[in-house]
Amino acid sequence: MSLKTTLQTLVYAAPKANVQELAELREQLRLVYGAKFIKTADTDLANVHETIRENINIISMPTGLKVERLVRLASEEGVDYKPSDKSRAVFLLLFTLAGV
């Protein structure tokens, strides 16, 4: 991965991740590379790491889809996981309380 991809990925992820350190890094990169660099990172996803690009917006998924994604990810890793109705309710509550 190139330095450009790394930096643009961090800039792209910063406002979506809600992590203060990333927001500060984004601002420092704006000061060093300029507003055009930030705008490019936000709009031209060609240099944003594919995994981040595909998964950063998962927090905006409806809660039910998050549970389904957990099941699918477990399956992809060879883990036989099927949440009970009680587990699903706990996930829904935790995701709701966490605001994700």
Protein backbone atom coordinates (compact mmCIF):
# COMPACT_ATOMS: atom_id res chain seq x y z
CA MET A 1 0.00 0.00 0.00
CA SER A 2 1.35 3.41 -0.92
CA LEU A 3 1.73 6.33 1.45
CA LYS A 4 -0.88 8.22 -0.59
CA THR A 5 -3.40 5.39 -0.13
CA THR A 6 -2.65 5.22 3.59
CA LEU A 7 -3.10 8.95 4.12
CA GLN A 8 -6.21 9.24 1.97
CA THR A 9 -7.73 6.25 3.76
CA LEU A 10 -7.15 7.92 7.14
CA VAL A 11 -8.62 11.20 5.86
CA TYR A 12 -11.66 9.39 4.43
CA ALA A 13 -12.26 7.35 7.58
CA ALA A 14 -11.77 10.14 10.11
CA PRO A 15 -15.24 11.76 10.04
CA LYS A 16 -16.95 8.39 9.80
CA ALA A 17 -15.08 6.71 12.66
CA ASN A 18 -15.82 9.37 15.28
CA VAL A 19 -12.31 9.08 16.78
CA GLN A 20 -10.79 12.33 18.03
CA GLU A 21 -7.23 11.35 17.11
CA LEU A 22 -8.26 10.68 13.51
CA ALA A 23 -10.03 14.03 13.35
CA GLU A 24 -6.85 15.72 14.58
CA LEU A 25 -4.75 13.80 12.07
CA ARG A 26 -7.14 14.81 9.28
CA GLU A 27 -6.69 18.47 10.26
CA GLN A 28 -2.90 18.13 10.36
CA LEU A 29 -2.93 16.55 6.90
CA ARG A 30 -5.11 19.42 5.66
CA LEU A 31 -2.53 21.89 6.95
CA VAL A 32 0.33 20.01 5.30
CA TYR A 33 -1.26 18.94 2.00
CA GLY A 34 -4.08 21.46 1.61
CA ALA A 35 -7.85 21.40 1.31
CA LYS A 36 -7.69 19.90 -2.19
CA PHE A 37 -6.03 16.76 -0.78
CA ILE A 38 -8.81 16.40 1.80
CA LYS A 39 -11.53 16.94 -0.80
CA THR A 40 -9.95 14.37 -3.09
CA ALA A 41 -9.75 11.83 -0.26
CA ASP A 42 -13.43 12.41 0.54
CA THR A 43 -14.66 12.15 -3.05
CA ASP A 44 -12.20 10.08 -5.11
CA LEU A 45 -12.31 6.67 -3.49
CA ALA A 46 -9.78 5.15 -5.91
CA ASN A 47 -6.98 5.73 -3.38
CA VAL A 48 -8.96 4.67 -0.30
CA HIS A 49 -8.12 1.16 0.93
CA GLU A 50 -10.77 -1.25 -0.32
CA THR A 51 -11.52 -2.85 3.04
CA ILE A 52 -12.12 0.53 4.69
CA ARG A 53 -14.12 1.79 1.72
CA GLU A 54 -16.42 -1.26 1.88
CA ASN A 55 -16.82 -1.45 5.65
CA ILE A 56 -16.56 2.03 7.16
CA ASN A 57 -20.25 2.73 6.62
CA ILE A 58 -21.35 -0.44 8.39
CA ILE A 59 -22.20 1.69 11.43
CA SER A 60 -25.01 3.28 9.45
CA MET A 61 -26.59 -0.08 8.63
CA PRO A 62 -29.94 -0.92 10.19
CA THR A 63 -29.37 -2.93 13.35
CA GLY A 64 -30.97 -6.08 11.96
CA LEU A 65 -28.49 -6.08 9.09
CA LYS A 66 -25.62 -5.71 11.57
CA VAL A 67 -26.67 -8.94 13.28
CA GLU A 68 -26.95 -10.66 9.90
CA ARG A 69 -23.49 -9.40 8.99
CA LEU A 70 -22.09 -10.86 12.22
CA VAL A 71 -23.62 -14.21 11.29
CA ARG A 72 -22.18 -14.02 7.76
CA LEU A 73 -18.72 -13.01 9.01
CA ALA A 74 -18.74 -15.89 11.48
CA SER A 75 -19.71 -18.27 8.67
CA GLU A 76 -16.91 -16.96 6.45
CA GLU A 77 -14.46 -17.72 9.26
CA GLY A 78 -15.81 -21.23 9.71
CA VAL A 79 -17.63 -20.45 12.95
CA ASP A 80 -21.07 -21.98 13.28
CA TYR A 81 -22.88 -19.07 14.91
CA LYS A 82 -26.61 -18.68 14.93
CA PRO A 83 -27.75 -16.15 17.53
CA SER A 84 -30.78 -17.04 19.58
CA ASP A 85 -33.69 -14.64 19.72
CA LYS A 86 -32.40 -13.53 23.12
CA SER A 87 -28.92 -12.87 21.67
CA ARG A 88 -30.44 -10.91 18.79
CA ALA A 89 -32.36 -8.79 21.29
CA VAL A 90 -29.16 -8.12 23.26
CA PHE A 91 -27.32 -7.13 20.05
CA LEU A 92 -30.16 -4.83 19.08
CA LEU A 93 -30.10 -3.21 22.51
CA LEU A 94 -26.30 -2.83 22.55
CA PHE A 95 -26.17 -1.39 19.04
CA THR A 96 -28.98 1.02 19.92
CA LEU A 97 -27.35 2.15 23.15
CA ALA A 98 -24.00 2.57 21.39
CA GLY A 99 -25.65 4.66 18.71
CA VAL A 100 -24.45 2.44 15.89
